[in-house]
Amino acid sequence: MLLTDGQYKSAFIWRPGQNEAKKIIGYIRISTDQQDLDTQRHLLLEYARKQHLFIDEFVEAAVSSRQGTGKRRIEELEAKLQEGDTLLVAELSCLG
């Protein structure tokens, strides 16, 4: 399920499964000089605050989407997520 909030059109939530979220993970990836890890972290934290959510953990990767999924830490991210958990990303392009 993909959710978005009108004010935060670039903040997305992905929930594998329909259960109440057990854990919320924020994924941050930058690939250009114009992107900034701190800016994306702030966007996710602000979105979570407005939605009354708590981000349990951040996974950060500072690499191009053309790099392997290992450098983008996608496998690590997939291993951490279980049914009912929530993945919060600043932009869908961060996932590849």
PDB file of N, CA and C in Angstrom:
ATOM      1  N   MET A   1       0.846  -1.163   0.000  1.00  0.00           N
ATOM      2  CA  MET A   1       0.000   0.000   0.000  1.00  0.00           C
ATOM      3  C   MET A   1       0.895   1.231   0.000  1.00  0.00           C
ATOM      4  N   LEU A   2       0.647   2.175  -0.887  1.00  0.00           N
ATOM      5  CA  LEU A   2       1.431   3.395  -0.999  1.00  0.00           C
ATOM      6  C   LEU A   2       0.564   4.564  -0.561  1.00  0.00           C
ATOM      7  N   LEU A   3       1.061   5.337   0.378  1.00  0.00           N
ATOM      8  CA  LEU A   3       0.320   6.475   0.907  1.00  0.00           C
ATOM      9  C   LEU A   3       1.107   7.748   0.673  1.00  0.00           C
ATOM     10  N   THR A   4       0.406   8.839   0.455  1.00  0.00           N
ATOM     11  CA  THR A   4       1.062  10.132   0.349  1.00  0.00           C
ATOM     12  C   THR A   4       0.169  11.180   1.001  1.00  0.00           C
ATOM     13  N   ASP A   5       0.768  12.227   1.446  1.00  0.00           N
ATOM     14  CA  ASP A   5       0.059  13.315   2.105  1.00  0.00           C
ATOM     15  C   ASP A   5       0.135  14.519   1.179  1.00  0.00           C
ATOM     16  N   GLY A   6      -0.951  15.250   1.012  1.00  0.00           N
ATOM     17  CA  GLY A   6      -0.986  16.371   0.093  1.00  0.00           C
ATOM     18  C   GLY A   6       0.127  17.382   0.290  1.00  0.00           C
ATOM     19  N   GLN A   7       0.476  17.679   1.525  1.00  0.00           N
ATOM     20  CA  GLN A   7       1.509  18.667   1.800  1.00  0.00           C
ATOM     21  C   GLN A   7       2.898  18.119   1.501  1.00  0.00           C
ATOM     22  N   TYR A   8       3.081  16.815   1.610  1.00  0.00           N
ATOM     23  CA  TYR A   8       4.389  16.190   1.420  1.00  0.00           C
ATOM     24  C   TYR A   8       4.325  15.270   0.212  1.00  0.00           C
ATOM     25  N   LYS A   9       4.185  15.851  -0.960  1.00  0.00           N
ATOM     26  CA  LYS A   9       4.015  15.044  -2.162  1.00  0.00           C
ATOM     27  C   LYS A   9       5.243  14.200  -2.468  1.00  0.00           C
ATOM     28  N   SER A  10       6.401  14.551  -1.912  1.00  0.00           N
ATOM     29  CA  SER A  10       7.592  13.756  -2.194  1.00  0.00           C
ATOM     30  C   SER A  10       7.897  12.770  -1.072  1.00  0.00           C
ATOM     31  N   ALA A  11       7.040  12.664  -0.076  1.00  0.00           N
ATOM     32  CA  ALA A  11       7.249  11.685   1.004  1.00  0.00           C
ATOM     33  C   ALA A  11       6.254  10.544   0.816  1.00  0.00           C
ATOM     34  N   PHE A  12       6.763   9.335   0.788  1.00  0.00           N
ATOM     35  CA  PHE A  12       5.929   8.170   0.527  1.00  0.00           C
ATOM     36  C   PHE A  12       6.099   7.143   1.624  1.00  0.00           C
ATOM     37  N   ILE A  13       5.053   6.383   1.857  1.00  0.00           N
ATOM     38  CA  ILE A  13       5.083   5.280   2.818  1.00  0.00           C
ATOM     39  C   ILE A  13       4.724   4.013   2.060  1.00  0.00           C
ATOM     40  N   TRP A  14       5.484   2.971   2.292  1.00  0.00           N
ATOM     41  CA  TRP A  14       5.144   1.661   1.734  1.00  0.00           C
ATOM     42  C   TRP A  14       4.976   0.690   2.872  1.00  0.00           C
ATOM     43  N   ARG A  15       3.840   0.002   2.922  1.00  0.00           N
ATOM     44  CA  ARG A  15       3.559  -0.968   3.983  1.00  0.00           C
ATOM     45  C   ARG A  15       3.336  -2.340   3.361  1.00  0.00           C
ATOM     46  N   PRO A  16       4.276  -3.272   3.550  1.00  0.00           N
ATOM     47  CA  PRO A  16       4.034  -4.628   3.061  1.00  0.00           C
ATOM     48  C   PRO A  16       3.039  -5.335   3.963  1.00  0.00           C
ATOM     49  N   GLY A  17       1.823  -5.567   3.499  1.00  0.00           N
ATOM     50  CA  GLY A  17       0.796  -6.201   4.326  1.00  0.00           C
ATOM     51  C   GLY A  17      -0.185  -5.170   4.839  1.00  0.00           C
ATOM     52  N   GLN A  18      -1.234  -5.618   5.460  1.00  0.00           N
ATOM     53  CA  GLN A  18      -2.308  -4.737   5.901  1.00  0.00           C
ATOM     54  C   GLN A  18      -2.308  -4.471   7.402  1.00  0.00           C
ATOM     55  N   ASN A  19      -1.435  -5.117   8.155  1.00  0.00           N
ATOM     56  CA  ASN A  19      -1.448  -4.984   9.613  1.00  0.00           C
ATOM     57  C   ASN A  19      -0.928  -3.626  10.065  1.00  0.00           C
ATOM     58  N   GLU A  20      -1.186  -3.314  11.316  1.00  0.00           N
ATOM     59  CA  GLU A  20      -0.636  -2.106  11.930  1.00  0.00           C
ATOM     60  C   GLU A  20       0.887  -2.180  11.870  1.00  0.00           C
ATOM     61  N   ALA A  21       1.521  -1.078  11.576  1.00  0.00           N
ATOM     62  CA  ALA A  21       2.979  -1.065  11.446  1.00  0.00           C
ATOM     63  C   ALA A  21       3.641  -1.480  12.755  1.00  0.00           C
ATOM     64  N   LYS A  22       4.578  -2.402  12.643  1.00  0.00           N
ATOM     65  CA  LYS A  22       5.356  -2.817  13.803  1.00  0.00           C
ATOM     66  C   LYS A  22       6.601  -1.954  13.929  1.00  0.00           C
ATOM     67  N   LYS A  23       7.204  -1.642  12.793  1.00  0.00           N
ATOM     68  CA  LYS A  23       8.446  -0.882  12.780  1.00  0.00           C
ATOM     69  C   LYS A  23       8.398   0.056  11.582  1.00  0.00           C
ATOM     70  N   ILE A  24       8.958   1.252  11.740  1.00  0.00           N
ATOM     71  CA  ILE A  24       9.032   2.205  10.640  1.00  0.00           C
ATOM     72  C   ILE A  24      10.504   2.456  10.342  1.00  0.00           C
ATOM     73  N   ILE A  25      10.884   2.244   9.076  1.00  0.00           N
ATOM     74  CA  ILE A  25      12.260   2.470   8.639  1.00  0.00           C
ATOM     75  C   ILE A  25      12.252   3.584   7.606  1.00  0.00           C
ATOM     76  N   GLY A  26      13.122   4.562   7.781  1.00  0.00           N
ATOM     77  CA  GLY A  26      13.306   5.624   6.806  1.00  0.00           C
ATOM     78  C   GLY A  26      14.499   5.289   5.929  1.00  0.00           C
ATOM     79  N   TYR A  27      14.315   5.302   4.601  1.00  0.00           N
ATOM     80  CA  TYR A  27      15.404   5.014   3.665  1.00  0.00           C
ATOM     81  C   TYR A  27      15.791   6.300   2.964  1.00  0.00           C
ATOM     82  N   ILE A  28      17.071   6.627   3.027  1.00  0.00           N
ATOM     83  CA  ILE A  28      17.594   7.852   2.433  1.00  0.00           C
ATOM     84  C   ILE A  28      18.712   7.466   1.478  1.00  0.00           C
ATOM     85  N   ARG A  29      18.614   7.926   0.223  1.00  0.00           N
ATOM     86  CA  ARG A  29      19.686   7.669  -0.739  1.00  0.00           C
ATOM     87  C   ARG A  29      19.916   8.922  -1.555  1.00  0.00           C
ATOM     88  N   ILE A  30      21.177   9.283  -1.717  1.00  0.00           N
ATOM     89  CA  ILE A  30      21.514  10.412  -2.571  1.00  0.00           C
ATOM     90  C   ILE A  30      22.394   9.927  -3.709  1.00  0.00           C
ATOM     91  N   SER A  31      22.263  10.591  -4.855  1.00  0.00           N
ATOM     92  CA  SER A  31      23.055  10.202  -6.011  1.00  0.00           C
ATOM     93  C   SER A  31      23.675  11.394  -6.723  1.00  0.00           C
ATOM     94  N   THR A  32      23.334  12.607  -6.334  1.00  0.00           N
ATOM     95  CA  THR A  32      23.895  13.791  -6.987  1.00  0.00           C
ATOM     96  C   THR A  32      24.329  14.798  -5.940  1.00  0.00           C
ATOM     97  N   ASP A  33      25.127  15.762  -6.379  1.00  0.00           N
ATOM     98  CA  ASP A  33      25.575  16.821  -5.474  1.00  0.00           C
ATOM     99  C   ASP A  33      24.411  17.681  -4.996  1.00  0.00           C
ATOM    100  N   GLN A  34      23.313  17.690  -5.751  1.00  0.00           N
ATOM    101  CA  GLN A  34      22.172  18.524  -5.390  1.00  0.00           C
ATOM    102  C   GLN A  34      21.325  17.902  -4.294  1.00  0.00           C
ATOM    103  N   GLN A  35      21.551  16.631  -4.022  1.00  0.00           N
ATOM    104  CA  GLN A  35      20.781  15.959  -2.978  1.00  0.00           C
ATOM    105  C   GLN A  35      21.579  15.962  -1.684  1.00  0.00           C
ATOM    106  N   ASP A  36      20.902  15.865  -0.576  1.00  0.00           N
ATOM    107  CA  ASP A  36      21.546  15.960   0.722  1.00  0.00           C
ATOM    108  C   ASP A  36      20.876  14.989   1.689  1.00  0.00           C
ATOM    109  N   LEU A  37      21.682  14.170   2.365  1.00  0.00           N
ATOM    110  CA  LEU A  37      21.139  13.211   3.332  1.00  0.00           C
ATOM    111  C   LEU A  37      20.374  13.911   4.446  1.00  0.00           C
ATOM    112  N   ASP A  38      20.932  15.009   4.969  1.00  0.00           N
ATOM    113  CA  ASP A  38      20.281  15.719   6.071  1.00  0.00           C
ATOM    114  C   ASP A  38      18.930  16.294   5.655  1.00  0.00           C
ATOM    115  N   THR A  39      18.848  16.808   4.428  1.00  0.00           N
ATOM    116  CA  THR A  39      17.587  17.364   3.940  1.00  0.00           C
ATOM    117  C   THR A  39      16.523  16.275   3.841  1.00  0.00           C
ATOM    118  N   GLN A  40      16.895  15.111   3.289  1.00  0.00           N
ATOM    119  CA  GLN A  40      15.934  14.014   3.187  1.00  0.00           C
ATOM    120  C   GLN A  40      15.532  13.506   4.568  1.00  0.00           C
ATOM    121  N   ARG A  41      16.501  13.399   5.475  1.00  0.00           N
ATOM    122  CA  ARG A  41      16.192  12.963   6.847  1.00  0.00           C
ATOM    123  C   ARG A  41      15.199  13.935   7.489  1.00  0.00           C
ATOM    124  N   HIS A  42      15.444  15.235   7.332  1.00  0.00           N
ATOM    125  CA  HIS A  42      14.549  16.249   7.900  1.00  0.00           C
ATOM    126  C   HIS A  42      13.142  16.122   7.299  1.00  0.00           C
ATOM    127  N   LEU A  43      13.048  15.919   5.983  1.00  0.00           N
ATOM    128  CA  LEU A  43      11.747  15.765   5.331  1.00  0.00           C
ATOM    129  C   LEU A  43      10.994  14.575   5.914  1.00  0.00           C
ATOM    130  N   LEU A  44      11.691  13.442   6.076  1.00  0.00           N
ATOM    131  CA  LEU A  44      11.039  12.250   6.617  1.00  0.00           C
ATOM    132  C   LEU A  44      10.623  12.449   8.069  1.00  0.00           C
ATOM    133  N   LEU A  45      11.484  13.069   8.866  1.00  0.00           N
ATOM    134  CA  LEU A  45      11.149  13.305  10.273  1.00  0.00           C
ATOM    135  C   LEU A  45       9.966  14.260  10.413  1.00  0.00           C
ATOM    136  N   GLU A  46       9.934  15.290   9.585  1.00  0.00           N
ATOM    137  CA  GLU A  46       8.829  16.253   9.635  1.00  0.00           C
ATOM    138  C   GLU A  46       7.520  15.585   9.197  1.00  0.00           C
ATOM    139  N   TYR A  47       7.588  14.792   8.131  1.00  0.00           N
ATOM    140  CA  TYR A  47       6.403  14.060   7.681  1.00  0.00           C
ATOM    141  C   TYR A  47       5.908  13.122   8.781  1.00  0.00           C
ATOM    142  N   ALA A  48       6.823  12.378   9.391  1.00  0.00           N
ATOM    143  CA  ALA A  48       6.458  11.436  10.457  1.00  0.00           C
ATOM    144  C   ALA A  48       5.825  12.174  11.637  1.00  0.00           C
ATOM    145  N   ARG A  49       6.398  13.305  12.003  1.00  0.00           N
ATOM    146  CA  ARG A  49       5.856  14.086  13.120  1.00  0.00           C
ATOM    147  C   ARG A  49       4.419  14.511  12.833  1.00  0.00           C
ATOM    148  N   LYS A  50       4.173  15.006  11.622  1.00  0.00           N
ATOM    149  CA  LYS A  50       2.826  15.464  11.265  1.00  0.00           C
ATOM    150  C   LYS A  50       1.827  14.307  11.213  1.00  0.00           C
ATOM    151  N   GLN A  51       2.310  13.103  10.927  1.00  0.00           N
ATOM    152  CA  GLN A  51       1.449  11.923  10.852  1.00  0.00           C
ATOM    153  C   GLN A  51       1.411  11.155  12.174  1.00  0.00           C
ATOM    154  N   HIS A  52       2.069  11.696  13.201  1.00  0.00           N
ATOM    155  CA  HIS A  52       2.145  11.056  14.522  1.00  0.00           C
ATOM    156  C   HIS A  52       2.800   9.678  14.432  1.00  0.00           C
ATOM    157  N   LEU A  53       3.888   9.618  13.670  1.00  0.00           N
ATOM    158  CA  LEU A  53       4.654   8.388  13.501  1.00  0.00           C
ATOM    159  C   LEU A  53       6.023   8.562  14.139  1.00  0.00           C
ATOM    160  N   PHE A  54       6.662   7.456  14.473  1.00  0.00           N
ATOM    161  CA  PHE A  54       8.024   7.471  14.998  1.00  0.00           C
ATOM    162  C   PHE A  54       8.877   6.588  14.098  1.00  0.00           C
ATOM    163  N   ILE A  55       9.933   7.156  13.522  1.00  0.00           N
ATOM    164  CA  ILE A  55      10.838   6.382  12.676  1.00  0.00           C
ATOM    165  C   ILE A  55      11.819   5.661  13.586  1.00  0.00           C
ATOM    166  N   ASP A  56      11.762   4.333  13.565  1.00  0.00           N
ATOM    167  CA  ASP A  56      12.606   3.516  14.439  1.00  0.00           C
ATOM    168  C   ASP A  56      14.056   3.487  13.996  1.00  0.00           C
ATOM    169  N   GLU A  57      14.284   3.576  12.690  1.00  0.00           N
ATOM    170  CA  GLU A  57      15.633   3.379  12.165  1.00  0.00           C
ATOM    171  C   GLU A  57      15.745   4.024  10.791  1.00  0.00           C
ATOM    172  N   PHE A  58      16.939   4.521  10.470  1.00  0.00           N
ATOM    173  CA  PHE A  58      17.229   5.029   9.134  1.00  0.00           C
ATOM    174  C   PHE A  58      18.260   4.128   8.477  1.00  0.00           C
ATOM    175  N   VAL A  59      18.091   3.898   7.185  1.00  0.00           N
ATOM    176  CA  VAL A  59      19.102   3.237   6.366  1.00  0.00           C
ATOM    177  C   VAL A  59      19.527   4.275   5.336  1.00  0.00           C
ATOM    178  N   GLU A  60      20.829   4.596   5.303  1.00  0.00           N
ATOM    179  CA  GLU A  60      21.339   5.636   4.414  1.00  0.00           C
ATOM    180  C   GLU A  60      22.301   5.047   3.397  1.00  0.00           C
ATOM    181  N   ALA A  61      22.213   5.542   2.163  1.00  0.00           N
ATOM    182  CA  ALA A  61      23.135   5.137   1.105  1.00  0.00           C
ATOM    183  C   ALA A  61      23.441   6.359   0.247  1.00  0.00           C
ATOM    184  N   ALA A  62      24.705   6.636   0.032  1.00  0.00           N
ATOM    185  CA  ALA A  62      25.122   7.784  -0.776  1.00  0.00           C
ATOM    186  C   ALA A  62      25.770   7.270  -2.059  1.00  0.00           C
ATOM    187  N   VAL A  63      24.936   6.719  -2.947  1.00  0.00           N
ATOM    188  CA  VAL A  63      25.422   6.142  -4.201  1.00  0.00           C
ATOM    189  C   VAL A  63      24.412   6.370  -5.311  1.00  0.00           C
ATOM    190  N   SER A  64      24.842   6.141  -6.539  1.00  0.00           N
ATOM    191  CA  SER A  64      23.984   6.262  -7.708  1.00  0.00           C
ATOM    192  C   SER A  64      23.020   5.085  -7.789  1.00  0.00           C
ATOM    193  N   SER A  65      21.866   5.311  -8.392  1.00  0.00           N
ATOM    194  CA  SER A  65      20.905   4.221  -8.590  1.00  0.00           C
ATOM    195  C   SER A  65      21.418   3.205  -9.599  1.00  0.00           C
ATOM    196  N   ARG A  66      22.449   3.567 -10.373  1.00  0.00           N
ATOM    197  CA  ARG A  66      23.029   2.638 -11.343  1.00  0.00           C
ATOM    198  C   ARG A  66      23.962   1.637 -10.676  1.00  0.00           C
ATOM    199  N   GLN A  67      24.316   1.881  -9.428  1.00  0.00           N
ATOM    200  CA  GLN A  67      25.178   0.958  -8.702  1.00  0.00           C
ATOM    201  C   GLN A  67      24.355  -0.254  -8.290  1.00  0.00           C
ATOM    202  N   GLY A  68      25.047  -1.300  -7.917  1.00  0.00           N
ATOM    203  CA  GLY A  68      24.377  -2.528  -7.499  1.00  0.00           C
ATOM    204  C   GLY A  68      23.505  -2.312  -6.278  1.00  0.00           C
ATOM    205  N   THR A  69      22.577  -3.223  -6.081  1.00  0.00           N
ATOM    206  CA  THR A  69      21.666  -3.094  -4.949  1.00  0.00           C
ATOM    207  C   THR A  69      22.399  -3.203  -3.618  1.00  0.00           C
ATOM    208  N   GLY A  70      23.560  -3.863  -3.601  1.00  0.00           N
ATOM    209  CA  GLY A  70      24.332  -3.962  -2.363  1.00  0.00           C
ATOM    210  C   GLY A  70      24.816  -2.607  -1.887  1.00  0.00           C
ATOM    211  N   LYS A  71      25.359  -1.808  -2.802  1.00  0.00           N
ATOM    212  CA  LYS A  71      25.838  -0.476  -2.427  1.00  0.00           C
ATOM    213  C   LYS A  71      24.688   0.453  -2.067  1.00  0.00           C
ATOM    214  N   ARG A  72      23.523   0.203  -2.670  1.00  0.00           N
ATOM    215  CA  ARG A  72      22.342   1.011  -2.327  1.00  0.00           C
ATOM    216  C   ARG A  72      21.670   0.495  -1.066  1.00  0.00           C
ATOM    217  N   ARG A  73      22.171  -0.622  -0.538  1.00  0.00           N
ATOM    218  CA  ARG A  73      21.704  -1.233   0.709  1.00  0.00           C
ATOM    219  C   ARG A  73      20.266  -1.738   0.605  1.00  0.00           C
ATOM    220  N   ILE A  74      19.847  -2.103  -0.613  1.00  0.00           N
ATOM    221  CA  ILE A  74      18.486  -2.597  -0.826  1.00  0.00           C
ATOM    222  C   ILE A  74      18.282  -3.951  -0.156  1.00  0.00           C
ATOM    223  N   GLU A  75      19.273  -4.864  -0.285  1.00  0.00           N
ATOM    224  CA  GLU A  75      19.129  -6.180   0.350  1.00  0.00           C
ATOM    225  C   GLU A  75      19.010  -6.038   1.865  1.00  0.00           C
ATOM    226  N   GLU A  76      19.809  -5.157   2.432  1.00  0.00           N
ATOM    227  CA  GLU A  76      19.738  -4.910   3.881  1.00  0.00           C
ATOM    228  C   GLU A  76      18.358  -4.388   4.259  1.00  0.00           C
ATOM    229  N   LEU A  77      17.847  -3.485   3.451  1.00  0.00           N
ATOM    230  CA  LEU A  77      16.528  -2.910   3.693  1.00  0.00           C
ATOM    231  C   LEU A  77      15.450  -3.990   3.622  1.00  0.00           C
ATOM    232  N   GLU A  78      15.511  -4.828   2.585  1.00  0.00           N
ATOM    233  CA  GLU A  78      14.529  -5.908   2.440  1.00  0.00           C
ATOM    234  C   GLU A  78      14.591  -6.882   3.609  1.00  0.00           C
ATOM    235  N   ALA A  79      15.800  -7.158   4.097  1.00  0.00           N
ATOM    236  CA  ALA A  79      15.965  -8.090   5.218  1.00  0.00           C
ATOM    237  C   ALA A  79      15.374  -7.526   6.508  1.00  0.00           C
ATOM    238  N   LYS A  80      15.394  -6.215   6.663  1.00  0.00           N
ATOM    239  CA  LYS A  80      14.880  -5.579   7.880  1.00  0.00           C
ATOM    240  C   LYS A  80      13.355  -5.511   7.898  1.00  0.00           C
ATOM    241  N   LEU A  81      12.739  -5.419   6.718  1.00  0.00           N
ATOM    242  CA  LEU A  81      11.290  -5.248   6.639  1.00  0.00           C
ATOM    243  C   LEU A  81      10.558  -6.574   6.761  1.00  0.00           C
ATOM    244  N   GLN A  82       9.525  -6.566   7.574  1.00  0.00           N
ATOM    245  CA  GLN A  82       8.648  -7.721   7.724  1.00  0.00           C
ATOM    246  C   GLN A  82       7.220  -7.254   7.487  1.00  0.00           C
ATOM    247  N   GLU A  83       6.313  -8.190   7.280  1.00  0.00           N
ATOM    248  CA  GLU A  83       4.923  -7.827   7.056  1.00  0.00           C
ATOM    249  C   GLU A  83       4.421  -6.976   8.213  1.00  0.00           C
ATOM    250  N   GLY A  84       3.784  -5.870   7.866  1.00  0.00           N
ATOM    251  CA  GLY A  84       3.272  -4.955   8.876  1.00  0.00           C
ATOM    252  C   GLY A  84       4.201  -3.793   9.164  1.00  0.00           C
ATOM    253  N   ASP A  85       5.470  -3.891   8.732  1.00  0.00           N
ATOM    254  CA  ASP A  85       6.409  -2.787   8.905  1.00  0.00           C
ATOM    255  C   ASP A  85       6.122  -1.714   7.862  1.00  0.00           C
ATOM    256  N   THR A  86       6.695  -0.534   8.060  1.00  0.00           N
ATOM    257  CA  THR A  86       6.502   0.581   7.147  1.00  0.00           C
ATOM    258  C   THR A  86       7.847   1.070   6.646  1.00  0.00           C
ATOM    259  N   LEU A  87       7.933   1.311   5.338  1.00  0.00           N
ATOM    260  CA  LEU A  87       9.114   1.911   4.730  1.00  0.00           C
ATOM    261  C   LEU A  87       8.744   3.324   4.327  1.00  0.00           C
ATOM    262  N   LEU A  88       9.504   4.287   4.772  1.00  0.00           N
ATOM    263  CA  LEU A  88       9.265   5.697   4.473  1.00  0.00           C
ATOM    264  C   LEU A  88      10.443   6.204   3.655  1.00  0.00           C
ATOM    265  N   VAL A  89      10.171   6.734   2.451  1.00  0.00           N
ATOM    266  CA  VAL A  89      11.223   7.261   1.582  1.00  0.00           C
ATOM    267  C   VAL A  89      10.856   8.672   1.149  1.00  0.00           C
ATOM    268  N   ALA A  90      11.874   9.499   0.928  1.00  0.00           N
ATOM    269  CA  ALA A  90      11.631  10.875   0.508  1.00  0.00           C
ATOM    270  C   ALA A  90      11.164  10.933  -0.944  1.00  0.00           C
ATOM    271  N   GLU A  91      11.693  10.050  -1.791  1.00  0.00           N
ATOM    272  CA  GLU A  91      11.314   9.990  -3.197  1.00  0.00           C
ATOM    273  C   GLU A  91      11.309   8.542  -3.644  1.00  0.00           C
ATOM    274  N   LEU A  92      10.354   8.171  -4.471  1.00  0.00           N
ATOM    275  CA  LEU A  92      10.301   6.794  -4.963  1.00  0.00           C
ATOM    276  C   LEU A  92      11.544   6.436  -5.761  1.00  0.00           C
ATOM    277  N   SER A  93      12.169   7.421  -6.413  1.00  0.00           N
ATOM    278  CA  SER A  93      13.375   7.153  -7.195  1.00  0.00           C
ATOM    279  C   SER A  93      14.514   6.637  -6.323  1.00  0.00           C
ATOM    280  N   CYS A  94      14.439   6.857  -5.022  1.00  0.00           N
ATOM    281  CA  CYS A  94      15.470   6.357  -4.108  1.00  0.00           C
ATOM    282  C   CYS A  94      15.553   4.839  -4.131  1.00  0.00           C
ATOM    283  N   LEU A  95      14.467   4.182  -4.472  1.00  0.00           N
ATOM    284  CA  LEU A  95      14.445   2.720  -4.454  1.00  0.00           C
ATOM    285  C   LEU A  95      15.045   2.110  -5.713  1.00  0.00           C
ATOM    286  N   GLY A  96      15.385   2.922  -6.677  1.00  0.00           N
ATOM    287  CA  GLY A  96      16.052   2.376  -7.860  1.00  0.00           C
ATOM    288  C   GLY A  96      15.419   2.853  -9.076  1.00  0.00           C
TER     289      GLY A  96
END
